[in-house]
C-alpha atoms as a PDB file:
ATOM      1  CA  GLN A   1      -3.386  95.757 -44.865  1.00  0.00           C
ATOM      2  CA  VAL A   2      -6.161  97.420 -46.430  1.00  0.00           C
ATOM      3  CA  GLN A   3      -9.442  96.954 -45.028  1.00  0.00           C
ATOM      4  CA  LEU A   4     -13.167  97.145 -46.845  1.00  0.00           C
ATOM      5  CA  VAL A   5     -16.380  97.262 -44.933  1.00  0.00           C
ATOM      6  CA  GLU A   6     -19.871  97.227 -46.613  1.00  0.00           C
ATOM      7  CA  SER A   7     -22.853  97.733 -45.268  1.00  0.00           C
ATOM      8  CA  GLY A   8     -26.514  99.019 -46.111  1.00  0.00           C
ATOM      9  CA  GLY A   9     -27.840  95.692 -47.700  1.00  0.00           C
ATOM     10  CA  GLY A  10     -31.114  94.004 -46.921  1.00  0.00           C
ATOM     11  CA  LEU A  11     -34.358  92.631 -48.020  1.00  0.00           C
ATOM     12  CA  VAL A  12     -36.473  94.834 -50.207  1.00  0.00           C
ATOM     13  CA  GLN A  13     -39.252  94.587 -52.538  1.00  0.00           C
ATOM     14  CA  ALA A  14     -39.046  94.629 -55.964  1.00  0.00           C
ATOM     15  CA  GLY A  15     -39.325  98.462 -57.387  1.00  0.00           C
ATOM     16  CA  GLY A  16     -37.382  99.546 -53.972  1.00  0.00           C
ATOM     17  CA  SER A  17     -34.062 101.242 -53.181  1.00  0.00           C
ATOM     18  CA  LEU A  18     -31.244 100.642 -51.011  1.00  0.00           C
ATOM     19  CA  ARG A  19     -28.029 102.730 -50.497  1.00  0.00           C
ATOM     20  CA  LEU A  20     -24.731 100.636 -49.974  1.00  0.00           C
ATOM     21  CA  SER A  21     -21.842 102.036 -48.057  1.00  0.00           C
ATOM     22  CA  CYS A  22     -18.057 100.827 -48.231  1.00  0.00           C
ATOM     23  CA  ASP A  23     -15.678 102.009 -45.629  1.00  0.00           C
ATOM     24  CA  VAL A  24     -12.092 101.710 -46.499  1.00  0.00           C
ATOM     25  CA  SER A  25      -9.363 101.962 -43.823  1.00  0.00           C
ATOM     26  CA  GLY A  26      -5.439 101.123 -43.889  1.00  0.00           C
ATOM     27  CA  SER A  27      -5.149 103.263 -47.182  1.00  0.00           C
ATOM     28  CA  THR A  28      -6.649 106.251 -48.716  1.00  0.00           C
ATOM     29  CA  ILE A  29      -8.745 105.869 -51.770  1.00  0.00           C
ATOM     30  CA  SER A  30      -7.830 109.523 -53.217  1.00  0.00           C
ATOM     31  CA  GLY A  31      -6.198 108.636 -56.558  1.00  0.00           C
ATOM     32  CA  ILE A  32      -7.790 104.916 -57.041  1.00  0.00           C
ATOM     33  CA  HIS A  33     -10.671 104.054 -59.169  1.00  0.00           C
ATOM     34  CA  MET A  34     -13.025 102.245 -57.113  1.00  0.00           C
ATOM     35  CA  ALA A  35     -15.531 100.080 -58.028  1.00  0.00           C
ATOM     36  CA  TRP A  36     -18.716  98.017 -56.744  1.00  0.00           C
ATOM     37  CA  TYR A  37     -19.156  94.283 -57.723  1.00  0.00           C
ATOM     38  CA  ARG A  38     -21.428  91.579 -57.232  1.00  0.00           C
ATOM     39  CA  GLN A  39     -21.860  87.771 -56.853  1.00  0.00           C
ATOM     40  CA  ARG A  40     -25.289  86.487 -57.588  1.00  0.00           C
ATOM     41  CA  PRO A  41     -26.311  83.157 -56.297  1.00  0.00           C
ATOM     42  CA  GLY A  42     -24.380  80.473 -58.287  1.00  0.00           C
ATOM     43  CA  LYS A  43     -22.680  83.034 -60.592  1.00  0.00           C
ATOM     44  CA  GLU A  44     -19.135  84.475 -61.104  1.00  0.00           C
ATOM     45  CA  ARG A  45     -18.365  87.917 -59.322  1.00  0.00           C
ATOM     46  CA  GLU A  46     -19.132  90.624 -61.639  1.00  0.00           C
ATOM     47  CA  TRP A  47     -18.316  94.065 -61.868  1.00  0.00           C
ATOM     48  CA  VAL A  48     -21.782  96.697 -61.252  1.00  0.00           C
ATOM     49  CA  ALA A  49     -19.982 100.204 -61.374  1.00  0.00           C
ATOM     50  CA  ARG A  50     -16.796 102.186 -61.167  1.00  0.00           C
ATOM     51  CA  ILE A  51     -15.769 105.583 -60.468  1.00  0.00           C
ATOM     52  CA  SER A  52     -12.521 107.033 -61.257  1.00  0.00           C
ATOM     53  CA  SER A  53     -10.514 109.269 -58.972  1.00  0.00           C
ATOM     54  CA  GLY A  54     -11.833 112.158 -61.028  1.00  0.00           C
ATOM     55  CA  ARG A  55     -15.285 110.914 -60.465  1.00  0.00           C
ATOM     56  CA  ASN A  56     -16.081 109.776 -63.866  1.00  0.00           C
ATOM     57  CA  THR A  57     -18.864 106.944 -63.628  1.00  0.00           C
ATOM     58  CA  PHE A  58     -19.191 103.776 -65.693  1.00  0.00           C
ATOM     59  CA  TYR A  59     -21.661 100.813 -64.987  1.00  0.00           C
ATOM     60  CA  ALA A  60     -22.502  97.475 -66.411  1.00  0.00           C
ATOM     61  CA  ASP A  61     -25.401  97.374 -68.915  1.00  0.00           C
ATOM     62  CA  PHE A  62     -27.383  95.437 -66.668  1.00  0.00           C
ATOM     63  CA  VAL A  63     -27.639  98.724 -64.475  1.00  0.00           C
ATOM     64  CA  GLU A  64     -29.608 100.435 -67.255  1.00  0.00           C
ATOM     65  CA  GLY A  65     -29.489 103.993 -65.574  1.00  0.00           C
ATOM     66  CA  ARG A  66     -31.050 102.444 -61.928  1.00  0.00           C
ATOM     67  CA  PHE A  67     -27.734 102.691 -59.995  1.00  0.00           C
ATOM     68  CA  THR A  68     -25.660 105.864 -59.112  1.00  0.00           C
ATOM     69  CA  ILE A  69     -22.018 105.134 -57.538  1.00  0.00           C
ATOM     70  CA  SER A  70     -20.330 108.240 -55.514  1.00  0.00           C
ATOM     71  CA  ARG A  71     -17.096 108.787 -53.330  1.00  0.00           C
ATOM     72  CA  ASP A  72     -15.956 110.853 -50.664  1.00  0.00           C
ATOM     73  CA  ASN A  73     -12.216 110.872 -50.425  1.00  0.00           C
ATOM     74  CA  ALA A  74     -12.050 112.936 -47.320  1.00  0.00           C
ATOM     75  CA  LYS A  75     -13.839 110.052 -45.558  1.00  0.00           C
ATOM     76  CA  ASP A  76     -12.540 107.354 -47.754  1.00  0.00           C
ATOM     77  CA  THR A  77     -16.035 105.733 -48.422  1.00  0.00           C
ATOM     78  CA  VAL A  78     -17.760 104.818 -51.813  1.00  0.00           C
ATOM     79  CA  ASP A  79     -21.391 104.247 -52.191  1.00  0.00           C
ATOM     80  CA  LEU A  80     -23.970 102.862 -54.362  1.00  0.00           C
ATOM     81  CA  GLN A  81     -27.045 104.148 -54.623  1.00  0.00           C
ATOM     82  CA  MET A  82     -29.523 101.707 -55.899  1.00  0.00           C
ATOM     83  CA  SER A  83     -33.394 101.992 -57.181  1.00  0.00           C
ATOM     84  CA  ARG A  84     -35.725  99.966 -59.197  1.00  0.00           C
ATOM     85  CA  LEU A  85     -34.226  96.931 -57.572  1.00  0.00           C
ATOM     86  CA  GLU A  86     -35.070  93.790 -59.178  1.00  0.00           C
ATOM     87  CA  PRO A  87     -35.228  89.887 -57.834  1.00  0.00           C
ATOM     88  CA  GLU A  88     -32.114  89.629 -60.444  1.00  0.00           C
ATOM     89  CA  ASP A  89     -30.112  92.210 -58.177  1.00  0.00           C
ATOM     90  CA  THR A  90     -30.328  89.771 -55.589  1.00  0.00           C
ATOM     91  CA  ALA A  91     -26.207  89.114 -54.816  1.00  0.00           C
ATOM     92  CA  VAL A  92     -23.563  89.848 -52.449  1.00  0.00           C
ATOM     93  CA  TYR A  93     -22.343  92.992 -53.111  1.00  0.00           C
ATOM     94  CA  TYR A  94     -18.442  94.207 -52.788  1.00  0.00           C
ATOM     95  CA  CYS A  95     -16.699  97.432 -53.203  1.00  0.00           C
ATOM     96  CA  ASN A  96     -12.771  97.286 -54.026  1.00  0.00           C
ATOM     97  CA  LYS A  97     -10.142  99.038 -56.494  1.00  0.00           C
ATOM     98  CA  TYR A  98     -11.098  98.676 -59.956  1.00  0.00           C
ATOM     99  CA  SER A  99      -7.959  97.384 -61.664  1.00  0.00           C
ATOM    100  CA  PRO A 100      -6.515  95.111 -61.721  1.00  0.00           C
ATOM    101  CA  TRP A 101      -8.816  92.402 -60.592  1.00  0.00           C
ATOM    102  CA  PRO A 102      -8.567  92.322 -56.537  1.00  0.00           C
ATOM    103  CA  SER A 103      -7.421  89.559 -54.887  1.00  0.00           C
ATOM    104  CA  HIS A 104      -8.422  90.746 -51.195  1.00  0.00           C
ATOM    105  CA  TRP A 105     -12.197  91.547 -50.560  1.00  0.00           C
ATOM    106  CA  GLY A 106     -14.205  92.295 -47.382  1.00  0.00           C
ATOM    107  CA  GLN A 107     -17.551  90.687 -46.200  1.00  0.00           C
ATOM    108  CA  GLY A 108     -19.663  91.979 -48.751  1.00  0.00           C
ATOM    109  CA  THR A 109     -23.375  93.153 -48.031  1.00  0.00           C
ATOM    110  CA  GLN A 110     -26.387  90.911 -48.951  1.00  0.00           C
ATOM    111  CA  VAL A 111     -29.172  92.285 -50.867  1.00  0.00           C
ATOM    112  CA  THR A 112     -31.923  90.490 -51.278  1.00  0.00           C
ATOM    113  CA  VAL A 113     -34.925  91.810 -53.635  1.00  0.00           C
ATOM    114  CA  SER A 114     -38.375  89.990 -53.464  1.00  0.00           C
ATOM    115  CA  SER A 115     -40.721  89.490 -56.134  1.00  0.00           C
END
């Protein structure tokens, strides 16, 4: 059973930064297109950023150059560096494979951005 453990969330003021980390166990992430997702209060879960096995990166339009996704295949980790955070970024953040839409999720990590 693959386990996904997200960490690094917290409370930060608008304009601040956070670095989220995702530890994957039970499977290697090598060769897997990985992604970060988020679920804002009262909203559907949405894709935020993704990184291919070849380290090509893609971001949702709302990221606007503020986030950077990275991966370490040797450690089976996927990170999300977030800067210039906005109150609208307040959400629970999850990592997972990119496609198909995952059916099994970790606990996520809460990010709260105060104005």
